[in-house]
Amino acid sequence: MKKIQLVIEKNLDRKIIILLGIFIIFLARNVSANNPIIINEIMYDLKGADPGYEWIEIKNISSEPVDLTNWKFNDGSSSNHILNSPPKNGGQGSLIIPSGGFAIFADKADLFLSTHPNFSGIVINTTMSLTNTEGTLKLIDNNGNVVEEVYYNKAMGGNGNGFSLERVSENSSKFCESKNEGGSPGQENNFDCNKILSSSSPTPIKTIAPTFSPLPDDNSVSSENNLLANLENSNLTPKPTPIKVNLIINEFLPNPTGPDNEGEWIELYNNSDADVDLTNWRLEDASGQKYVFKNEVIKKKYFLVLPYNKTKISLNNNGETLTLYSPQNEIAFKITYSGNAKEGYSFARFAANDWHWTKILTPGAPNQFSSDNDTKNSSKINVDSQIENGQNNGENANVQKQESTSVSLASSTSDNLLTPQTNKIIIIAIGIGVILSIASAIFIKKVLP
C-alpha cells in the first residue's frame, strides 16, 4: 500500500513539473510576443509634393520572425489599411520581418524604390496619407489588437525640410529629427535631438521690455491666464504698433525619479513674436516662494527651463499653484493643480486648457506625447465659459480672452500606467508567484508527514 502511495506521489510530482514547464513556455511566449513590432521612423513631410512619397519604417524588436499577414496600418484616418503582400503594387521582399529587421510601409512602393534605388530591404505597399501638422499612427495585428501607436507633430522636426523623424531607442517613444537628409530607411537611426532647437533659435535682435495696461479683474484662483500686453520699442515712433506678449508655463516635473529637489524643473514658453526681457518678472508658488528674473531674455517662440537649484521653488507632489507675474505685478499666467503627481512623468500643456501626463520629458523642447496611454488625462477640467468664450468685459482691448482651468491630477486611473513594459513585469511577477507556490507545496509535502 505504501509503495502504491509513493508511485502515485511520484507521478503527481512529475505531472506538476510538466504543467510547470508548459506554463513557463507559455509565459515566455506571451512576454516575447508583446509588442514585437515598433514604428521606428516617419517621413511625413518631404520637400515638394508629399502624395505618394510618404513612408514609415517599422522594426522587429523580438527574437523571432514576425508574419504581418492580415495586419493593418492606420495613418490617423477613420479606416485601417491592408498591407499588400509584395510584389503587389511595386513592393519587394515579403510580409515576414526577420528578428531585428526593418521594413518600409509606403503609399507608393514603386515611387519609394525609384527615389531609393540602392534600397534592397522589404518594401510593403499600403494606403498612407500623413498630415503635415500632427498625427497618430497605429499598427494592428491579425487579431485586431493595436500593438503599436505613436504620435508626431511638426514641432519635433522634419517639417518640409527633407528630414525624417527617427525613434531614439527601442525602449523609448521619443522621436527626433534625422541627421541624414532623406532619413535612414533600412539602417540604424542617426538622429540629433538638439538639431531642431539650434535651427529654430532666432537671430539675436534688440529685446523689448513690455509695458502693461490694467488687466480685467482676476477672480479665478485655479486658472490658466494668457496675458497679452503692449510692447513699446524706444526706437520707433512715439505711437508704436502694439506687439502682443504671450508667456506661458508649458511643462513641469513635480515628482522626478529620485530626490525631488534635485530633479524638479519648470519650463516657460514665449509664444510671442518678439524676444522678451524678463527683468523683474517673477515666478511664485502657493507658499509664496518667489524667483525674480534678472537680466534674462526668452527668445520668441522659444523655451526657458528653470531647475529647482536656480529658483528654489519646490513643487508639491499633491498640489501646487504656479503664477507668473509681470514687472507691473499683473498675472501673466497661472495654473493650479491638485492630486498625486506621477513619479518620473511631467505634466505638459497639450493645448489651451488641456494638460496631459507624459513620460517623454522634453525640457527646452516641444512637448511630446507618445501614445494614448501617456496622453489620456482623465483629470477633470472645468472651464469658466464666461471667460473661455471671450465674454471678458475688461476695458483693455489688447488683453486676449483668458482661459480658466482647474486641473486635478489625482483622477488618472491605474490603467493608464499599463504599458507593454509594465504588462510584461506583471506577467513575470505572476509567473514567479505561481512557480514559488508550486515549489513550496512540493517541499511541504516531502518534508511533513
Protein backbone atom coordinates (compact mmCIF):
# COMPACT_ATOMS: atom_id res chain seq x y z
CA MET A 1 0.00 0.00 0.00
CA LYS A 2 2.85 2.37 0.87
CA LYS A 3 4.60 1.57 -2.44
CA ILE A 4 1.44 2.42 -4.36
CA GLN A 5 1.20 5.70 -2.48
CA LEU A 6 4.84 6.56 -3.32
CA VAL A 7 4.24 5.73 -7.01
CA ILE A 8 1.16 7.97 -7.05
CA GLU A 9 3.09 10.79 -5.37
CA LYS A 10 5.96 10.49 -7.88
CA ASN A 11 3.52 10.52 -10.80
CA LEU A 12 1.78 13.53 -9.28
CA ASP A 13 5.11 15.32 -8.84
CA ARG A 14 6.01 14.53 -12.45
CA LYS A 15 2.69 15.93 -13.68
CA ILE A 16 3.17 19.08 -11.64
CA ILE A 17 6.65 19.57 -13.11
CA ILE A 18 5.33 19.02 -16.65
CA LEU A 19 2.50 21.52 -16.08
CA LEU A 20 5.01 23.94 -14.61
CA GLY A 21 7.20 23.61 -17.73
CA ILE A 22 4.22 24.21 -20.01
CA PHE A 23 3.32 27.31 -18.01
CA ILE A 24 6.88 28.66 -18.26
CA ILE A 25 6.89 28.14 -22.04
CA PHE A 26 3.53 29.91 -22.32
CA LEU A 27 4.83 32.73 -20.15
CA ALA A 28 7.95 33.18 -22.28
CA ARG A 29 5.93 33.22 -25.48
CA ASN A 30 3.44 35.69 -24.04
CA VAL A 31 6.18 38.05 -22.95
CA SER A 32 8.16 37.84 -26.17
CA ALA A 33 5.02 38.34 -28.27
CA ASN A 34 4.11 41.56 -26.55
CA ASN A 35 4.58 44.43 -28.99
CA PRO A 36 7.18 42.78 -31.26
CA ILE A 37 6.95 45.48 -33.96
CA ILE A 38 7.62 49.18 -33.43
CA ILE A 39 7.31 52.21 -35.70
CA ASN A 40 10.92 53.33 -35.99
CA GLU A 41 10.99 56.22 -38.49
CA ILE A 42 8.46 58.60 -40.05
CA MET A 43 8.83 60.58 -43.28
CA TYR A 44 5.67 62.67 -43.23
CA ASP A 45 6.55 65.94 -44.99
CA LEU A 46 9.07 65.82 -47.81
CA LYS A 47 10.44 68.68 -49.85
CA GLY A 48 7.96 69.44 -52.59
CA ALA A 49 4.90 67.27 -53.15
CA ASP A 50 4.10 64.65 -50.49
CA PRO A 51 1.39 62.39 -52.02
CA GLY A 52 2.80 59.02 -52.94
CA TYR A 53 6.23 59.70 -51.47
CA GLU A 54 5.48 59.42 -47.73
CA TRP A 55 6.72 56.38 -45.85
CA ILE A 56 7.34 54.92 -42.41
CA GLU A 57 9.82 52.34 -41.22
CA ILE A 58 8.98 49.51 -38.83
CA LYS A 59 11.37 47.27 -36.89
CA ASN A 60 11.02 43.79 -35.45
CA ILE A 61 12.45 44.01 -31.92
CA SER A 62 11.51 40.45 -30.96
CA SER A 63 13.77 37.40 -31.08
CA GLU A 64 11.70 35.65 -33.77
CA PRO A 65 10.43 36.47 -37.27
CA VAL A 66 7.02 38.18 -37.37
CA ASP A 67 4.49 37.47 -40.14
CA LEU A 68 2.47 40.60 -40.98
CA THR A 69 -0.18 38.70 -42.93
CA ASN A 70 -3.61 40.21 -42.19
CA TRP A 71 -2.02 43.05 -40.18
CA LYS A 72 -3.24 46.58 -40.88
CA PHE A 73 -1.90 50.12 -40.73
CA ASN A 74 -3.78 53.22 -39.58
CA ASP A 75 -2.46 56.59 -40.74
CA GLY A 76 -4.75 58.63 -38.49
CA SER A 77 -7.80 58.31 -40.70
CA SER A 78 -11.04 56.59 -39.79
CA SER A 79 -10.10 53.40 -41.67
CA ASN A 80 -7.46 50.73 -41.18
CA HIS A 81 -5.46 49.92 -44.31
CA ILE A 82 -4.39 46.48 -45.50
CA LEU A 83 -0.74 45.59 -46.13
CA ASN A 84 -0.28 44.41 -49.70
CA SER A 85 1.92 41.35 -49.91
CA PRO A 86 4.98 42.07 -52.08
CA PRO A 87 5.41 42.30 -55.02
CA LYS A 88 1.87 43.67 -55.23
CA ASN A 89 1.76 47.35 -56.22
CA GLY A 90 5.52 47.52 -56.64
CA GLY A 91 6.58 46.14 -53.26
CA GLN A 92 9.60 43.90 -52.70
CA GLY A 93 10.53 41.21 -50.19
CA SER A 94 7.77 39.60 -48.12
CA LEU A 95 5.43 40.17 -45.19
CA ILE A 96 7.74 38.18 -42.89
CA ILE A 97 10.04 40.52 -40.95
CA PRO A 98 13.15 38.80 -39.55
CA SER A 99 14.29 39.36 -35.98
CA GLY A 100 15.98 42.76 -35.79
CA GLY A 101 14.91 43.51 -39.36
CA PHE A 102 13.30 46.57 -40.90
CA ALA A 103 10.50 47.10 -43.40
CA ILE A 104 9.18 50.18 -45.18
CA PHE A 105 5.47 50.96 -45.47
CA ALA A 106 4.96 53.24 -48.48
CA ASP A 107 1.93 54.79 -50.10
CA LYS A 108 3.52 54.06 -53.47
CA ALA A 109 6.12 51.33 -53.16
CA ASP A 110 7.37 51.87 -56.70
CA LEU A 111 7.91 55.59 -56.06
CA PHE A 112 9.84 54.83 -52.86
CA LEU A 113 12.14 52.44 -54.73
CA SER A 114 12.62 54.92 -57.58
CA THR A 115 13.84 57.55 -55.10
CA HIS A 116 15.91 54.97 -53.13
CA PRO A 117 17.44 52.89 -55.95
CA ASN A 118 20.01 51.23 -53.67
CA PHE A 119 17.45 50.07 -51.09
CA SER A 120 17.35 46.26 -51.01
CA GLY A 121 15.14 45.70 -47.95
CA ILE A 122 11.46 44.93 -47.54
CA VAL A 123 9.02 47.47 -49.02
CA ILE A 124 5.30 46.97 -48.38
CA ASN A 125 2.67 48.96 -50.23
CA THR A 126 -0.27 50.30 -48.24
CA THR A 127 -2.58 53.29 -48.18
CA MET A 128 -0.92 56.25 -46.48
CA SER A 129 -1.70 59.95 -46.20
CA LEU A 130 0.27 61.57 -43.36
CA THR A 131 -0.74 65.04 -42.22
CA ASN A 132 1.96 67.72 -42.11
CA THR A 133 0.93 69.14 -38.73
CA GLU A 134 0.42 66.17 -36.40
CA GLY A 135 -0.83 62.63 -36.43
CA THR A 136 -1.20 59.32 -34.62
CA LEU A 137 -0.05 56.14 -36.37
CA LYS A 138 -1.09 52.62 -35.38
CA LEU A 139 -0.19 49.02 -36.20
CA ILE A 140 -3.00 46.47 -35.80
CA ASP A 141 -2.19 42.74 -35.69
CA ASN A 142 -4.18 39.90 -37.28
CA ASN A 143 -6.35 39.64 -34.15
CA GLY A 144 -7.35 43.29 -34.29
CA ASN A 145 -5.10 44.35 -31.40
CA VAL A 146 -3.30 47.68 -31.56
CA VAL A 147 0.31 46.59 -30.95
CA GLU A 148 1.97 49.94 -31.65
CA GLU A 149 0.84 53.55 -31.52
CA VAL A 150 2.97 56.69 -31.89
CA TYR A 151 2.24 60.40 -32.08
CA TYR A 152 4.16 63.03 -34.05
CA ASN A 153 3.86 66.73 -34.75
CA LYS A 154 5.74 69.23 -36.88
CA ALA A 155 7.41 70.84 -33.88
CA MET A 156 9.50 67.66 -33.50
CA GLY A 157 11.23 68.34 -36.82
CA GLY A 158 11.05 67.04 -40.37
CA ASN A 159 8.62 69.78 -41.33
CA GLY A 160 9.04 70.04 -45.10
CA ASN A 161 12.85 70.11 -44.95
CA GLY A 162 13.56 66.64 -46.34
CA PHE A 163 14.44 65.05 -42.99
CA SER A 164 12.56 62.28 -41.20
CA LEU A 165 11.65 61.72 -37.55
CA GLU A 166 13.61 58.83 -36.00
CA ARG A 167 12.95 56.89 -32.82
CA VAL A 168 15.57 57.47 -30.14
CA SER A 169 15.65 53.84 -28.99
CA GLU A 170 13.54 50.68 -28.92
CA ASN A 171 12.58 51.35 -25.30
CA SER A 172 11.66 54.99 -25.83
CA SER A 173 8.69 56.62 -27.52
CA LYS A 174 10.65 59.79 -28.24
CA PHE A 175 11.37 60.86 -31.83
CA CYS A 176 14.00 63.35 -33.02
CA GLU A 177 14.89 64.76 -36.42
CA SER A 178 17.27 62.70 -38.55
CA LYS A 179 20.80 63.86 -39.21
CA ASN A 180 20.52 62.49 -42.74
CA GLU A 181 18.50 64.25 -45.41
CA GLY A 182 16.10 61.64 -46.68
CA GLY A 183 16.27 59.72 -43.39
CA SER A 184 17.90 56.33 -42.88
CA PRO A 185 15.45 53.71 -44.16
CA GLY A 186 16.61 50.16 -43.51
CA GLN A 187 19.52 51.33 -41.34
CA GLU A 188 20.10 52.10 -37.69
CA ASN A 189 18.72 55.52 -36.79
CA ASN A 190 21.03 58.52 -36.88
CA PHE A 191 19.36 61.49 -35.21
CA ASP A 192 20.09 64.75 -33.41
CA CYS A 193 17.69 65.76 -30.64
CA ASN A 194 19.29 69.21 -30.40
CA LYS A 195 19.03 69.90 -34.10
CA ILE A 196 15.52 71.30 -34.09
CA LEU A 197 16.36 73.55 -31.16
CA SER A 198 19.52 75.02 -32.63
CA SER A 199 17.98 75.52 -36.05
CA SER A 200 14.93 77.24 -34.64
CA SER A 201 16.91 79.63 -32.46
CA PRO A 202 16.20 83.12 -33.81
CA THR A 203 18.89 85.59 -34.80
CA PRO A 204 19.56 87.88 -31.83
CA ILE A 205 17.59 91.11 -32.04
CA LYS A 206 17.11 94.09 -29.78
CA THR A 207 14.98 92.88 -26.87
CA ILE A 208 11.84 94.74 -25.98
CA ALA A 209 10.73 95.50 -22.46
CA PRO A 210 6.95 95.18 -22.05
CA THR A 211 4.66 97.77 -20.50
CA PHE A 212 1.24 96.58 -19.39
CA SER A 213 -2.23 98.05 -19.40
CA PRO A 214 -4.52 97.12 -16.47
CA LEU A 215 -5.95 93.64 -16.60
CA PRO A 216 -9.62 92.82 -16.09
CA ASP A 217 -10.39 91.80 -12.53
CA ASP A 218 -8.93 88.36 -11.97
CA ASN A 219 -11.09 86.38 -9.58
CA SER A 220 -10.09 82.88 -10.63
CA VAL A 221 -7.75 81.04 -8.28
CA SER A 222 -7.48 77.84 -10.32
CA SER A 223 -6.79 79.28 -13.74
CA GLU A 224 -4.52 79.47 -16.72
CA ASN A 225 -4.29 83.08 -17.90
CA ASN A 226 -2.66 84.22 -21.10
CA LEU A 227 -1.71 87.87 -20.69
CA LEU A 228 -1.31 89.79 -23.91
CA ALA A 229 0.18 93.21 -23.40
CA ASN A 230 1.74 96.06 -25.37
CA LEU A 231 5.43 96.24 -26.08
CA GLU A 232 6.98 99.58 -26.93
CA ASN A 233 10.22 99.90 -28.84
CA SER A 234 12.07 103.07 -27.95
CA ASN A 235 13.49 103.29 -31.49
CA LEU A 236 10.04 103.53 -33.07
CA THR A 237 7.70 106.46 -33.36
CA PRO A 238 6.02 107.84 -30.21
CA LYS A 239 2.94 105.75 -31.08
CA PRO A 240 4.33 102.26 -31.65
CA THR A 241 2.39 99.40 -33.15
CA PRO A 242 1.34 97.10 -30.27
CA ILE A 243 3.16 93.77 -30.12
CA LYS A 244 1.36 91.10 -28.15
CA VAL A 245 3.21 89.15 -25.46
CA ASN A 246 2.16 85.63 -24.60
CA LEU A 247 4.30 83.87 -21.97
CA ILE A 248 3.04 80.52 -20.70
CA ILE A 249 4.06 77.81 -18.29
CA ASN A 250 4.42 74.92 -20.73
CA GLU A 251 5.63 71.88 -18.75
CA PHE A 252 6.77 70.99 -15.25
CA LEU A 253 8.17 67.97 -13.41
CA PRO A 254 6.79 67.87 -9.85
CA ASN A 255 7.84 64.32 -8.95
CA PRO A 256 11.08 63.26 -10.67
CA THR A 257 12.63 59.85 -10.21
CA GLY A 258 14.96 60.15 -7.24
CA PRO A 259 15.22 63.14 -4.89
CA ASP A 260 12.59 65.71 -5.85
CA ASN A 261 14.53 68.88 -5.23
CA GLU A 262 17.43 67.76 -7.38
CA GLY A 263 15.32 66.89 -10.42
CA GLU A 264 12.36 69.29 -10.41
CA TRP A 265 12.03 71.92 -13.13
CA ILE A 266 9.55 74.33 -14.69
CA GLU A 267 9.53 75.25 -18.37
CA LEU A 268 8.30 78.56 -19.81
CA TYR A 269 7.50 79.21 -23.45
CA ASN A 270 7.45 82.57 -25.24
CA ASN A 271 4.60 82.34 -27.74
CA SER A 272 5.11 85.97 -28.75
CA ASP A 273 6.54 87.38 -31.97
CA ALA A 274 9.39 89.18 -30.16
CA ASP A 275 12.12 88.40 -27.65
CA VAL A 276 11.05 89.39 -24.14
CA ASP A 277 13.29 90.86 -21.45
CA LEU A 278 12.29 89.08 -18.22
CA THR A 279 14.00 91.52 -15.87
CA ASN A 280 11.82 91.94 -12.75
CA TRP A 281 9.32 89.29 -13.84
CA ARG A 282 8.77 86.69 -11.14
CA LEU A 283 7.55 83.13 -10.71
CA GLU A 284 5.78 82.29 -7.46
CA ASP A 285 4.31 79.17 -5.86
CA ALA A 286 1.41 78.77 -3.44
CA SER A 287 3.66 79.11 -0.39
CA GLY A 288 4.91 82.49 -1.57
CA GLN A 289 8.35 81.25 -2.64
CA LYS A 290 9.49 83.62 -5.40
CA TYR A 291 12.02 83.60 -8.18
CA VAL A 292 12.70 87.08 -9.60
CA PHE A 293 14.28 87.18 -13.05
CA LYS A 294 17.38 89.34 -13.52
CA ASN A 295 18.90 90.12 -16.91
CA GLU A 296 17.30 87.10 -18.56
CA VAL A 297 15.80 87.06 -22.04
CA ILE A 298 13.44 84.48 -23.50
CA LYS A 299 13.59 84.41 -27.29
CA LYS A 300 10.49 84.48 -29.43
CA LYS A 301 8.87 81.08 -29.97
CA TYR A 302 11.43 79.57 -27.61
CA PHE A 303 11.75 77.87 -24.23
CA LEU A 304 13.34 78.66 -20.88
CA VAL A 305 13.91 75.86 -18.35
CA LEU A 306 14.07 76.76 -14.67
CA PRO A 307 15.51 73.97 -12.46
CA TYR A 308 14.97 73.85 -8.72
CA ASN A 309 18.60 74.70 -7.95
CA LYS A 310 18.01 78.03 -9.68
CA THR A 311 14.53 79.02 -8.49
CA LYS A 312 14.41 77.18 -5.13
CA ILE A 313 10.72 76.61 -5.89
CA SER A 314 9.78 73.16 -4.61
CA LEU A 315 6.78 71.66 -6.41
CA ASN A 316 4.45 69.78 -4.10
CA ASN A 317 3.52 66.30 -5.30
CA ASN A 318 -0.03 66.62 -4.03
CA GLY A 319 -0.99 70.03 -5.38
CA GLU A 320 0.50 73.41 -6.15
CA THR A 321 -0.19 76.83 -7.68
CA LEU A 322 2.31 78.41 -10.06
CA THR A 323 1.91 82.05 -11.06
CA LEU A 324 3.96 84.12 -13.49
CA TYR A 325 3.85 87.87 -12.77
CA SER A 326 4.84 90.79 -14.97
CA PRO A 327 7.04 93.61 -13.60
CA GLN A 328 3.78 95.55 -13.03
CA ASN A 329 2.64 92.76 -10.65
CA GLU A 330 -0.02 91.55 -13.08
CA ILE A 331 -0.74 87.87 -13.66
CA ALA A 332 0.67 86.67 -16.98
CA PHE A 333 -0.10 83.00 -16.37
CA LYS A 334 -1.42 80.91 -13.52
CA ILE A 335 -2.15 77.23 -13.12
CA THR A 336 -3.33 75.33 -10.07
CA TYR A 337 -3.12 71.55 -9.93
CA SER A 338 -4.09 69.06 -7.24
CA GLY A 339 -3.75 65.35 -6.62
CA ASN A 340 -0.82 62.94 -6.60
CA ALA A 341 1.83 63.55 -9.25
CA LYS A 342 3.17 60.50 -11.11
CA GLU A 343 6.81 59.73 -10.44
CA GLY A 344 9.01 60.31 -13.47
CA TYR A 345 6.21 61.91 -15.51
CA SER A 346 5.98 65.56 -16.45
CA PHE A 347 2.69 67.41 -16.80
CA ALA A 348 2.73 69.12 -20.18
CA ARG A 349 0.48 71.59 -21.94
CA PHE A 350 -1.13 69.93 -24.98
CA ALA A 351 -3.31 72.91 -25.85
CA ALA A 352 -5.24 75.68 -24.12
CA ASN A 353 -6.93 74.18 -21.05
CA ASP A 354 -5.61 70.75 -22.00
CA TRP A 355 -2.76 69.23 -19.93
CA HIS A 356 -1.55 65.64 -20.27
CA TRP A 357 0.82 63.35 -18.40
CA THR A 358 3.79 62.24 -20.46
CA LYS A 359 6.76 60.01 -19.74
CA ILE A 360 8.71 61.75 -22.52
CA LEU A 361 10.38 64.63 -20.69
CA THR A 362 11.20 67.49 -23.07
CA PRO A 363 12.71 70.41 -21.11
CA GLY A 364 13.65 73.10 -23.61
CA ALA A 365 11.89 71.36 -26.50
CA PRO A 366 8.35 70.93 -27.87
CA ASN A 367 6.16 68.68 -25.75
CA GLN A 368 5.80 65.09 -26.90
CA PHE A 369 3.03 62.62 -26.14
CA SER A 370 3.85 59.09 -27.20
CA SER A 371 0.51 57.28 -27.11
CA ASP A 372 -2.97 57.26 -25.64
CA ASN A 373 -1.61 55.53 -22.53
CA ASP A 374 0.57 58.57 -21.89
CA THR A 375 -1.68 61.33 -23.09
CA LYS A 376 -5.01 60.18 -21.75
CA ASN A 377 -5.79 62.59 -18.98
CA SER A 378 -8.92 61.64 -17.10
CA SER A 379 -8.39 64.67 -14.92
CA LYS A 380 -11.42 66.85 -14.52
CA ILE A 381 -11.04 70.13 -16.39
CA ASN A 382 -13.60 72.79 -15.62
CA VAL A 383 -13.67 75.83 -17.88
CA ASP A 384 -15.23 79.12 -16.89
CA SER A 385 -17.36 79.58 -20.00
CA GLN A 386 -17.87 83.28 -19.43
CA ILE A 387 -14.13 83.86 -19.87
CA GLU A 388 -13.39 80.95 -22.22
CA ASN A 389 -15.98 82.19 -24.71
CA GLY A 390 -14.31 85.55 -24.91
CA GLN A 391 -17.01 87.42 -22.98
CA ASN A 392 -14.49 89.30 -20.91
CA ASN A 393 -15.76 92.85 -20.45
CA GLY A 394 -12.43 94.30 -19.34
CA GLU A 395 -11.54 97.73 -20.62
CA ASN A 396 -8.19 96.74 -22.11
CA ALA A 397 -8.81 95.76 -25.72
CA ASN A 398 -5.32 94.29 -26.07
CA VAL A 399 -5.88 91.61 -23.45
CA GLN A 400 -6.72 88.30 -25.06
CA LYS A 401 -9.59 86.21 -23.76
CA GLN A 402 -8.39 84.31 -20.71
CA GLU A 403 -8.71 80.62 -20.01
CA SER A 404 -9.89 79.41 -16.64
CA THR A 405 -8.78 75.89 -15.87
CA SER A 406 -8.98 73.68 -12.81
CA VAL A 407 -6.82 70.60 -13.19
CA SER A 408 -6.93 67.61 -10.87
CA LEU A 409 -4.04 65.22 -11.28
CA ALA A 410 -5.34 62.59 -8.91
CA SER A 411 -8.00 61.02 -11.08
CA SER A 412 -5.79 59.20 -13.57
CA THR A 413 -6.53 55.50 -13.27
CA SER A 414 -4.00 52.73 -12.97
CA ASP A 415 -5.00 51.56 -16.46
CA ASN A 416 -3.09 54.48 -17.91
CA LEU A 417 0.11 53.05 -16.48
CA LEU A 418 -0.26 49.63 -18.10
CA THR A 419 2.29 50.00 -20.87
CA PRO A 420 3.67 46.92 -22.67
CA GLN A 421 6.71 47.01 -20.35
CA THR A 422 4.56 47.02 -17.21
CA ASN A 423 2.36 44.28 -18.67
CA LYS A 424 5.49 42.13 -19.07
CA ILE A 425 6.53 42.83 -15.49
CA ILE A 426 3.06 41.87 -14.22
CA ILE A 427 3.07 38.62 -16.22
CA ILE A 428 6.56 37.71 -14.99
CA ALA A 429 5.60 38.51 -11.38
CA ILE A 430 2.51 36.29 -11.62
CA GLY A 431 4.57 33.50 -13.15
CA ILE A 432 7.20 33.68 -10.41
CA GLY A 433 4.45 33.65 -7.79
CA VAL A 434 2.89 30.51 -9.27
CA ILE A 435 6.27 28.79 -9.53
CA LEU A 436 7.14 29.58 -5.90
CA SER A 437 3.71 28.41 -4.73
CA ILE A 438 4.06 25.04 -6.51
CA ALA A 439 7.63 24.59 -5.28
CA SER A 440 6.54 25.35 -1.71
CA ALA A 441 3.70 22.84 -1.95
CA ILE A 442 6.06 20.10 -3.18
CA PHE A 443 8.59 20.90 -0.46
CA ILE A 444 5.99 20.85 2.31
CA LYS A 445 4.57 17.55 1.05
CA LYS A 446 8.04 15.99 1.02
CA VAL A 447 9.12 17.22 4.46
CA LEU A 448 5.94 16.97 6.51
CA PRO A 449 4.49 13.55 7.37
